[in-house]
Amino acid sequence: VIGREATQPSGLLRVSVPLSYGLR
């Protein structure tokens, strides 16, 4: 980001979501 090179994010993204909302 600092070097202005982050044109396409990559890597692992961990997300927590409520069960019913996630399914729908």
mmCIF file of all heavy atoms, coordinates in Angstrom:
data_MODEL
# 
_entry.id   MODEL 
# 
loop_
_atom_site.group_PDB 
_atom_site.id 
_atom_site.type_symbol 
_atom_site.label_atom_id 
_atom_site.label_alt_id 
_atom_site.label_comp_id 
_atom_site.label_asym_id 
_atom_site.label_entity_id 
_atom_site.label_seq_id 
_atom_site.pdbx_PDB_ins_code 
_atom_site.Cartn_x 
_atom_site.Cartn_y 
_atom_site.Cartn_z 
_atom_site.occupancy 
_atom_site.B_iso_or_equiv 
_atom_site.pdbx_formal_charge 
_atom_site.auth_seq_id 
_atom_site.auth_comp_id 
_atom_site.auth_asym_id 
_atom_site.auth_atom_id 
_atom_site.pdbx_PDB_model_num 
ATOM 1   N N   . VAL A 1 1  ? 0.836   -1.203  0.000  1.00 0.00 ? 1  VAL A N   1 
ATOM 2   C CA  . VAL A 1 1  ? 0.000   0.000   0.000  1.00 0.00 ? 1  VAL A CA  1 
ATOM 3   C C   . VAL A 1 1  ? 0.867   1.249   0.000  1.00 0.00 ? 1  VAL A C   1 
ATOM 4   O O   . VAL A 1 1  ? 0.649   2.197   -0.761 1.00 0.00 ? 1  VAL A O   1 
ATOM 5   C CB  . VAL A 1 1  ? -0.934  0.002   1.234  1.00 0.00 ? 1  VAL A CB  1 
ATOM 6   C CG1 . VAL A 1 1  ? -1.606  1.356   1.396  1.00 0.00 ? 1  VAL A CG1 1 
ATOM 7   C CG2 . VAL A 1 1  ? -1.986  -1.078  1.095  1.00 0.00 ? 1  VAL A CG2 1 
ATOM 8   N N   . ILE A 1 2  ? 1.877   1.256   0.871  1.00 0.00 ? 2  ILE A N   1 
ATOM 9   C CA  . ILE A 1 2  ? 2.758   2.418   0.964  1.00 0.00 ? 2  ILE A CA  1 
ATOM 10  C C   . ILE A 1 2  ? 3.480   2.641   -0.362 1.00 0.00 ? 2  ILE A C   1 
ATOM 11  O O   . ILE A 1 2  ? 3.676   3.766   -0.818 1.00 0.00 ? 2  ILE A O   1 
ATOM 12  C CB  . ILE A 1 2  ? 3.770   2.231   2.109  1.00 0.00 ? 2  ILE A CB  1 
ATOM 13  C CG1 . ILE A 1 2  ? 3.024   2.208   3.452  1.00 0.00 ? 2  ILE A CG1 1 
ATOM 14  C CG2 . ILE A 1 2  ? 4.817   3.346   2.103  1.00 0.00 ? 2  ILE A CG2 1 
ATOM 15  C CD1 . ILE A 1 2  ? 3.890   1.860   4.631  1.00 0.00 ? 2  ILE A CD1 1 
ATOM 16  N N   . GLY A 1 3  ? 3.876   1.550   -0.994 1.00 0.00 ? 3  GLY A N   1 
ATOM 17  C CA  . GLY A 1 3  ? 4.588   1.647   -2.273 1.00 0.00 ? 3  GLY A CA  1 
ATOM 18  C C   . GLY A 1 3  ? 3.667   1.772   -3.473 1.00 0.00 ? 3  GLY A C   1 
ATOM 19  O O   . GLY A 1 3  ? 4.111   1.712   -4.612 1.00 0.00 ? 3  GLY A O   1 
ATOM 20  N N   . ARG A 1 4  ? 2.330   1.865   -3.225 1.00 0.00 ? 4  ARG A N   1 
ATOM 21  C CA  . ARG A 1 4  ? 1.336   1.987   -4.290 1.00 0.00 ? 4  ARG A CA  1 
ATOM 22  C C   . ARG A 1 4  ? 1.426   0.828   -5.281 1.00 0.00 ? 4  ARG A C   1 
ATOM 23  O O   . ARG A 1 4  ? 1.281   1.005   -6.488 1.00 0.00 ? 4  ARG A O   1 
ATOM 24  C CB  . ARG A 1 4  ? 1.494   3.324   -5.026 1.00 0.00 ? 4  ARG A CB  1 
ATOM 25  C CG  . ARG A 1 4  ? 1.309   4.529   -4.128 1.00 0.00 ? 4  ARG A CG  1 
ATOM 26  C CD  . ARG A 1 4  ? 1.367   5.826   -4.910 1.00 0.00 ? 4  ARG A CD  1 
ATOM 27  N NE  . ARG A 1 4  ? 1.242   6.968   -4.032 1.00 0.00 ? 4  ARG A NE  1 
ATOM 28  C CZ  . ARG A 1 4  ? 0.095   7.452   -3.568 1.00 0.00 ? 4  ARG A CZ  1 
ATOM 29  N NH1 . ARG A 1 4  ? -1.041  6.897   -3.916 1.00 0.00 ? 4  ARG A NH1 1 
ATOM 30  N NH2 . ARG A 1 4  ? 0.068   8.505   -2.764 1.00 0.00 ? 4  ARG A NH2 1 
ATOM 31  N N   . GLU A 1 5  ? 1.650   -0.358  -4.721 1.00 0.00 ? 5  GLU A N   1 
ATOM 32  C CA  . GLU A 1 5  ? 1.764   -1.531  -5.581 1.00 0.00 ? 5  GLU A CA  1 
ATOM 33  C C   . GLU A 1 5  ? 0.601   -2.502  -5.381 1.00 0.00 ? 5  GLU A C   1 
ATOM 34  O O   . GLU A 1 5  ? 0.556   -3.559  -6.015 1.00 0.00 ? 5  GLU A O   1 
ATOM 35  C CB  . GLU A 1 5  ? 3.083   -2.255  -5.319 1.00 0.00 ? 5  GLU A CB  1 
ATOM 36  C CG  . GLU A 1 5  ? 4.309   -1.409  -5.662 1.00 0.00 ? 5  GLU A CG  1 
ATOM 37  C CD  . GLU A 1 5  ? 5.589   -2.109  -5.279 1.00 0.00 ? 5  GLU A CD  1 
ATOM 38  O OE1 . GLU A 1 5  ? 5.511   -3.237  -4.745 1.00 0.00 ? 5  GLU A OE1 1 
ATOM 39  O OE2 . GLU A 1 5  ? 6.657   -1.528  -5.509 1.00 0.00 ? 5  GLU A OE2 1 
ATOM 40  N N   . ALA A 1 6  ? -0.320  -2.140  -4.481 1.00 0.00 ? 6  ALA A N   1 
ATOM 41  C CA  . ALA A 1 6  ? -1.398  -3.076  -4.162 1.00 0.00 ? 6  ALA A CA  1 
ATOM 42  C C   . ALA A 1 6  ? -2.545  -2.930  -5.152 1.00 0.00 ? 6  ALA A C   1 
ATOM 43  O O   . ALA A 1 6  ? -3.621  -2.459  -4.833 1.00 0.00 ? 6  ALA A O   1 
ATOM 44  C CB  . ALA A 1 6  ? -1.904  -2.828  -2.740 1.00 0.00 ? 6  ALA A CB  1 
ATOM 45  N N   . THR A 1 7  ? -2.301  -3.304  -6.381 1.00 0.00 ? 7  THR A N   1 
ATOM 46  C CA  . THR A 1 7  ? -3.335  -3.187  -7.408 1.00 0.00 ? 7  THR A CA  1 
ATOM 47  C C   . THR A 1 7  ? -4.336  -4.328  -7.335 1.00 0.00 ? 7  THR A C   1 
ATOM 48  O O   . THR A 1 7  ? -5.472  -4.186  -7.773 1.00 0.00 ? 7  THR A O   1 
ATOM 49  C CB  . THR A 1 7  ? -2.686  -3.191  -8.801 1.00 0.00 ? 7  THR A CB  1 
ATOM 50  O OG1 . THR A 1 7  ? -1.913  -4.386  -8.954 1.00 0.00 ? 7  THR A OG1 1 
ATOM 51  C CG2 . THR A 1 7  ? -1.774  -1.974  -8.965 1.00 0.00 ? 7  THR A CG2 1 
ATOM 52  N N   . GLN A 1 8  ? -3.941  -5.458  -6.779 1.00 0.00 ? 8  GLN A N   1 
ATOM 53  C CA  . GLN A 1 8  ? -4.834  -6.610  -6.700 1.00 0.00 ? 8  GLN A CA  1 
ATOM 54  C C   . GLN A 1 8  ? -4.585  -7.332  -5.381 1.00 0.00 ? 8  GLN A C   1 
ATOM 55  O O   . GLN A 1 8  ? -3.594  -8.037  -5.231 1.00 0.00 ? 8  GLN A O   1 
ATOM 56  C CB  . GLN A 1 8  ? -4.587  -7.559  -7.877 1.00 0.00 ? 8  GLN A CB  1 
ATOM 57  C CG  . GLN A 1 8  ? -5.625  -8.656  -8.017 1.00 0.00 ? 8  GLN A CG  1 
ATOM 58  C CD  . GLN A 1 8  ? -6.960  -8.122  -8.515 1.00 0.00 ? 8  GLN A CD  1 
ATOM 59  O OE1 . GLN A 1 8  ? -7.134  -6.939  -8.732 1.00 0.00 ? 8  GLN A OE1 1 
ATOM 60  N NE2 . GLN A 1 8  ? -7.917  -9.012  -8.693 1.00 0.00 ? 8  GLN A NE2 1 
ATOM 61  N N   . PRO A 1 9  ? -5.454  -7.173  -4.381 1.00 0.00 ? 9  PRO A N   1 
ATOM 62  C CA  . PRO A 1 9  ? -5.262  -7.830  -3.082 1.00 0.00 ? 9  PRO A CA  1 
ATOM 63  C C   . PRO A 1 9  ? -5.134  -9.340  -3.230 1.00 0.00 ? 9  PRO A C   1 
ATOM 64  O O   . PRO A 1 9  ? -5.761  -9.949  -4.106 1.00 0.00 ? 9  PRO A O   1 
ATOM 65  C CB  . PRO A 1 9  ? -6.526  -7.452  -2.310 1.00 0.00 ? 9  PRO A CB  1 
ATOM 66  C CG  . PRO A 1 9  ? -7.025  -6.216  -2.971 1.00 0.00 ? 9  PRO A CG  1 
ATOM 67  C CD  . PRO A 1 9  ? -6.679  -6.371  -4.424 1.00 0.00 ? 9  PRO A CD  1 
ATOM 68  N N   . SER A 1 10 ? -4.333  -9.928  -2.367 1.00 0.00 ? 10 SER A N   1 
ATOM 69  C CA  . SER A 1 10 ? -4.126  -11.373 -2.415 1.00 0.00 ? 10 SER A CA  1 
ATOM 70  C C   . SER A 1 10 ? -3.924  -11.895 -1.002 1.00 0.00 ? 10 SER A C   1 
ATOM 71  O O   . SER A 1 10 ? -3.831  -11.137 -0.041 1.00 0.00 ? 10 SER A O   1 
ATOM 72  C CB  . SER A 1 10 ? -2.909  -11.713 -3.290 1.00 0.00 ? 10 SER A CB  1 
ATOM 73  O OG  . SER A 1 10 ? -1.737  -11.120 -2.735 1.00 0.00 ? 10 SER A OG  1 
ATOM 74  N N   . GLY A 1 11 ? -3.855  -13.210 -0.883 1.00 0.00 ? 11 GLY A N   1 
ATOM 75  C CA  . GLY A 1 11 ? -3.646  -13.838 0.412  1.00 0.00 ? 11 GLY A CA  1 
ATOM 76  C C   . GLY A 1 11 ? -4.931  -14.402 0.982  1.00 0.00 ? 11 GLY A C   1 
ATOM 77  O O   . GLY A 1 11 ? -5.938  -14.532 0.297  1.00 0.00 ? 11 GLY A O   1 
ATOM 78  N N   . LEU A 1 12 ? -4.876  -14.736 2.271  1.00 0.00 ? 12 LEU A N   1 
ATOM 79  C CA  . LEU A 1 12 ? -6.007  -15.362 2.964  1.00 0.00 ? 12 LEU A CA  1 
ATOM 80  C C   . LEU A 1 12 ? -6.804  -14.313 3.716  1.00 0.00 ? 12 LEU A C   1 
ATOM 81  O O   . LEU A 1 12 ? -6.245  -13.516 4.476  1.00 0.00 ? 12 LEU A O   1 
ATOM 82  C CB  . LEU A 1 12 ? -5.496  -16.428 3.932  1.00 0.00 ? 12 LEU A CB  1 
ATOM 83  C CG  . LEU A 1 12 ? -6.553  -17.167 4.759  1.00 0.00 ? 12 LEU A CG  1 
ATOM 84  C CD1 . LEU A 1 12 ? -7.478  -17.971 3.866  1.00 0.00 ? 12 LEU A CD1 1 
ATOM 85  C CD2 . LEU A 1 12 ? -5.881  -18.065 5.802  1.00 0.00 ? 12 LEU A CD2 1 
ATOM 86  N N   . LEU A 1 13 ? -8.115  -14.313 3.529  1.00 0.00 ? 13 LEU A N   1 
ATOM 87  C CA  . LEU A 1 13 ? -9.019  -13.416 4.241  1.00 0.00 ? 13 LEU A CA  1 
ATOM 88  C C   . LEU A 1 13 ? -9.931  -14.258 5.123  1.00 0.00 ? 13 LEU A C   1 
ATOM 89  O O   . LEU A 1 13 ? -10.701 -15.080 4.634  1.00 0.00 ? 13 LEU A O   1 
ATOM 90  C CB  . LEU A 1 13 ? -9.854  -12.594 3.263  1.00 0.00 ? 13 LEU A CB  1 
ATOM 91  C CG  . LEU A 1 13 ? -10.860 -11.614 3.883  1.00 0.00 ? 13 LEU A CG  1 
ATOM 92  C CD1 . LEU A 1 13 ? -10.131 -10.486 4.606  1.00 0.00 ? 13 LEU A CD1 1 
ATOM 93  C CD2 . LEU A 1 13 ? -11.800 -11.045 2.814  1.00 0.00 ? 13 LEU A CD2 1 
ATOM 94  N N   . ARG A 1 14 ? -9.831  -14.046 6.425  1.00 0.00 ? 14 ARG A N   1 
ATOM 95  C CA  . ARG A 1 14 ? -10.662 -14.797 7.380  1.00 0.00 ? 14 ARG A CA  1 
ATOM 96  C C   . ARG A 1 14 ? -11.850 -13.935 7.789  1.00 0.00 ? 14 ARG A C   1 
ATOM 97  O O   . ARG A 1 14 ? -11.669 -12.815 8.280  1.00 0.00 ? 14 ARG A O   1 
ATOM 98  C CB  . ARG A 1 14 ? -9.844  -15.201 8.605  1.00 0.00 ? 14 ARG A CB  1 
ATOM 99  C CG  . ARG A 1 14 ? -8.738  -16.209 8.300  1.00 0.00 ? 14 ARG A CG  1 
ATOM 100 C CD  . ARG A 1 14 ? -8.051  -16.651 9.587  1.00 0.00 ? 14 ARG A CD  1 
ATOM 101 N NE  . ARG A 1 14 ? -7.102  -17.718 9.350  1.00 0.00 ? 14 ARG A NE  1 
ATOM 102 C CZ  . ARG A 1 14 ? -5.806  -17.527 9.156  1.00 0.00 ? 14 ARG A CZ  1 
ATOM 103 N NH1 . ARG A 1 14 ? -5.313  -16.298 9.156  1.00 0.00 ? 14 ARG A NH1 1 
ATOM 104 N NH2 . ARG A 1 14 ? -5.002  -18.548 8.956  1.00 0.00 ? 14 ARG A NH2 1 
ATOM 105 N N   . VAL A 1 15 ? -13.054 -14.483 7.614  1.00 0.00 ? 15 VAL A N   1 
ATOM 106 C CA  . VAL A 1 15 ? -14.286 -13.731 7.860  1.00 0.00 ? 15 VAL A CA  1 
ATOM 107 C C   . VAL A 1 15 ? -15.196 -14.529 8.782  1.00 0.00 ? 15 VAL A C   1 
ATOM 108 O O   . VAL A 1 15 ? -15.369 -15.736 8.604  1.00 0.00 ? 15 VAL A O   1 
ATOM 109 C CB  . VAL A 1 15 ? -15.031 -13.436 6.536  1.00 0.00 ? 15 VAL A CB  1 
ATOM 110 C CG1 . VAL A 1 15 ? -16.279 -12.600 6.804  1.00 0.00 ? 15 VAL A CG1 1 
ATOM 111 C CG2 . VAL A 1 15 ? -14.111 -12.728 5.552  1.00 0.00 ? 15 VAL A CG2 1 
ATOM 112 N N   . SER A 1 16 ? -15.774 -13.858 9.763  1.00 0.00 ? 16 SER A N   1 
ATOM 113 C CA  . SER A 1 16 ? -16.761 -14.479 10.649 1.00 0.00 ? 16 SER A CA  1 
ATOM 114 C C   . SER A 1 16 ? -18.127 -13.873 10.345 1.00 0.00 ? 16 SER A C   1 
ATOM 115 O O   . SER A 1 16 ? -18.269 -12.646 10.293 1.00 0.00 ? 16 SER A O   1 
ATOM 116 C CB  . SER A 1 16 ? -16.391 -14.226 12.116 1.00 0.00 ? 16 SER A CB  1 
ATOM 117 O OG  . SER A 1 16 ? -17.409 -14.700 12.985 1.00 0.00 ? 16 SER A OG  1 
ATOM 118 N N   . VAL A 1 17 ? -19.139 -14.737 10.142 1.00 0.00 ? 17 VAL A N   1 
ATOM 119 C CA  . VAL A 1 17 ? -20.468 -14.289 9.733  1.00 0.00 ? 17 VAL A CA  1 
ATOM 120 C C   . VAL A 1 17 ? -21.520 -15.067 10.525 1.00 0.00 ? 17 VAL A C   1 
ATOM 121 O O   . VAL A 1 17 ? -21.382 -16.281 10.702 1.00 0.00 ? 17 VAL A O   1 
ATOM 122 C CB  . VAL A 1 17 ? -20.704 -14.526 8.222  1.00 0.00 ? 17 VAL A CB  1 
ATOM 123 C CG1 . VAL A 1 17 ? -21.998 -13.855 7.773  1.00 0.00 ? 17 VAL A CG1 1 
ATOM 124 C CG2 . VAL A 1 17 ? -19.531 -14.036 7.398  1.00 0.00 ? 17 VAL A CG2 1 
ATOM 125 N N   . PRO A 1 18 ? -22.590 -14.402 10.996 1.00 0.00 ? 18 PRO A N   1 
ATOM 126 C CA  . PRO A 1 18 ? -23.680 -15.149 11.637 1.00 0.00 ? 18 PRO A CA  1 
ATOM 127 C C   . PRO A 1 18 ? -24.239 -16.219 10.705 1.00 0.00 ? 18 PRO A C   1 
ATOM 128 O O   . PRO A 1 18 ? -24.328 -16.008 9.487  1.00 0.00 ? 18 PRO A O   1 
ATOM 129 C CB  . PRO A 1 18 ? -24.728 -14.063 11.926 1.00 0.00 ? 18 PRO A CB  1 
ATOM 130 C CG  . PRO A 1 18 ? -23.940 -12.797 12.022 1.00 0.00 ? 18 PRO A CG  1 
ATOM 131 C CD  . PRO A 1 18 ? -22.825 -12.953 11.018 1.00 0.00 ? 18 PRO A CD  1 
ATOM 132 N N   . LEU A 1 19 ? -24.620 -17.348 11.276 1.00 0.00 ? 19 LEU A N   1 
ATOM 133 C CA  . LEU A 1 19 ? -24.989 -18.526 10.486 1.00 0.00 ? 19 LEU A CA  1 
ATOM 134 C C   . LEU A 1 19 ? -26.100 -18.252 9.474  1.00 0.00 ? 19 LEU A C   1 
ATOM 135 O O   . LEU A 1 19 ? -25.926 -18.450 8.270  1.00 0.00 ? 19 LEU A O   1 
ATOM 136 C CB  . LEU A 1 19 ? -25.401 -19.659 11.427 1.00 0.00 ? 19 LEU A CB  1 
ATOM 137 C CG  . LEU A 1 19 ? -25.919 -20.939 10.778 1.00 0.00 ? 19 LEU A CG  1 
ATOM 138 C CD1 . LEU A 1 19 ? -24.861 -21.547 9.869  1.00 0.00 ? 19 LEU A CD1 1 
ATOM 139 C CD2 . LEU A 1 19 ? -26.345 -21.944 11.837 1.00 0.00 ? 19 LEU A CD2 1 
ATOM 140 N N   . SER A 1 20 ? -27.249 -17.802 9.937  1.00 0.00 ? 20 SER A N   1 
ATOM 141 C CA  . SER A 1 20 ? -28.390 -17.621 9.027  1.00 0.00 ? 20 SER A CA  1 
ATOM 142 C C   . SER A 1 20 ? -28.114 -16.537 7.993  1.00 0.00 ? 20 SER A C   1 
ATOM 143 O O   . SER A 1 20 ? -28.458 -16.686 6.815  1.00 0.00 ? 20 SER A O   1 
ATOM 144 C CB  . SER A 1 20 ? -29.654 -17.274 9.827  1.00 0.00 ? 20 SER A CB  1 
ATOM 145 O OG  . SER A 1 20 ? -30.014 -18.340 10.676 1.00 0.00 ? 20 SER A OG  1 
ATOM 146 N N   . TYR A 1 21 ? -27.479 -15.455 8.423  1.00 0.00 ? 21 TYR A N   1 
ATOM 147 C CA  . TYR A 1 21 ? -27.169 -14.371 7.487  1.00 0.00 ? 21 TYR A CA  1 
ATOM 148 C C   . TYR A 1 21 ? -26.158 -14.841 6.443  1.00 0.00 ? 21 TYR A C   1 
ATOM 149 O O   . TYR A 1 21 ? -26.259 -14.508 5.261  1.00 0.00 ? 21 TYR A O   1 
ATOM 150 C CB  . TYR A 1 21 ? -26.620 -13.168 8.246  1.00 0.00 ? 21 TYR A CB  1 
ATOM 151 C CG  . TYR A 1 21 ? -26.544 -11.920 7.406  1.00 0.00 ? 21 TYR A CG  1 
ATOM 152 C CD1 . TYR A 1 21 ? -27.690 -11.190 7.101  1.00 0.00 ? 21 TYR A CD1 1 
ATOM 153 C CD2 . TYR A 1 21 ? -25.325 -11.465 6.909  1.00 0.00 ? 21 TYR A CD2 1 
ATOM 154 C CE1 . TYR A 1 21 ? -27.625 -10.043 6.328  1.00 0.00 ? 21 TYR A CE1 1 
ATOM 155 C CE2 . TYR A 1 21 ? -25.252 -10.325 6.135  1.00 0.00 ? 21 TYR A CE2 1 
ATOM 156 C CZ  . TYR A 1 21 ? -26.408 -9.614  5.853  1.00 0.00 ? 21 TYR A CZ  1 
ATOM 157 O OH  . TYR A 1 21 ? -26.341 -8.482  5.082  1.00 0.00 ? 21 TYR A OH  1 
ATOM 158 N N   . GLY A 1 22 ? -25.195 -15.640 6.887  1.00 0.00 ? 22 GLY A N   1 
ATOM 159 C CA  . GLY A 1 22 ? -24.202 -16.151 5.949  1.00 0.00 ? 22 GLY A CA  1 
ATOM 160 C C   . GLY A 1 22 ? -24.814 -17.046 4.894  1.00 0.00 ? 22 GLY A C   1 
ATOM 161 O O   . GLY A 1 22 ? -24.489 -16.945 3.709  1.00 0.00 ? 22 GLY A O   1 
ATOM 162 N N   . LEU A 1 23 ? -25.711 -17.929 5.323  1.00 0.00 ? 23 LEU A N   1 
ATOM 163 C CA  . LEU A 1 23 ? -26.331 -18.847 4.375  1.00 0.00 ? 23 LEU A CA  1 
ATOM 164 C C   . LEU A 1 23 ? -27.198 -18.119 3.354  1.00 0.00 ? 23 LEU A C   1 
ATOM 165 O O   . LEU A 1 23 ? -27.255 -18.506 2.188  1.00 0.00 ? 23 LEU A O   1 
ATOM 166 C CB  . LEU A 1 23 ? -27.177 -19.883 5.124  1.00 0.00 ? 23 LEU A CB  1 
ATOM 167 C CG  . LEU A 1 23 ? -26.396 -20.883 5.979  1.00 0.00 ? 23 LEU A CG  1 
ATOM 168 C CD1 . LEU A 1 23 ? -27.358 -21.759 6.769  1.00 0.00 ? 23 LEU A CD1 1 
ATOM 169 C CD2 . LEU A 1 23 ? -25.487 -21.739 5.110  1.00 0.00 ? 23 LEU A CD2 1 
ATOM 170 N N   . ARG A 1 24 ? -27.872 -17.051 3.795  1.00 0.00 ? 24 ARG A N   1 
ATOM 171 C CA  . ARG A 1 24 ? -28.768 -16.345 2.881  1.00 0.00 ? 24 ARG A CA  1 
ATOM 172 C C   . ARG A 1 24 ? -28.048 -15.272 2.060  1.00 0.00 ? 24 ARG A C   1 
ATOM 173 O O   . ARG A 1 24 ? -28.054 -15.308 0.839  1.00 0.00 ? 24 ARG A O   1 
ATOM 174 C CB  . ARG A 1 24 ? -29.912 -15.709 3.681  1.00 0.00 ? 24 ARG A CB  1 
ATOM 175 C CG  . ARG A 1 24 ? -30.953 -16.709 4.093  1.00 0.00 ? 24 ARG A CG  1 
ATOM 176 C CD  . ARG A 1 24 ? -31.988 -16.063 4.989  1.00 0.00 ? 24 ARG A CD  1 
ATOM 177 N NE  . ARG A 1 24 ? -33.102 -16.979 5.218  1.00 0.00 ? 24 ARG A NE  1 
ATOM 178 C CZ  . ARG A 1 24 ? -33.040 -18.014 6.047  1.00 0.00 ? 24 ARG A CZ  1 
ATOM 179 N NH1 . ARG A 1 24 ? -31.943 -18.254 6.714  1.00 0.00 ? 24 ARG A NH1 1 
ATOM 180 N NH2 . ARG A 1 24 ? -34.081 -18.817 6.189  1.00 0.00 ? 24 ARG A NH2 1 
# 
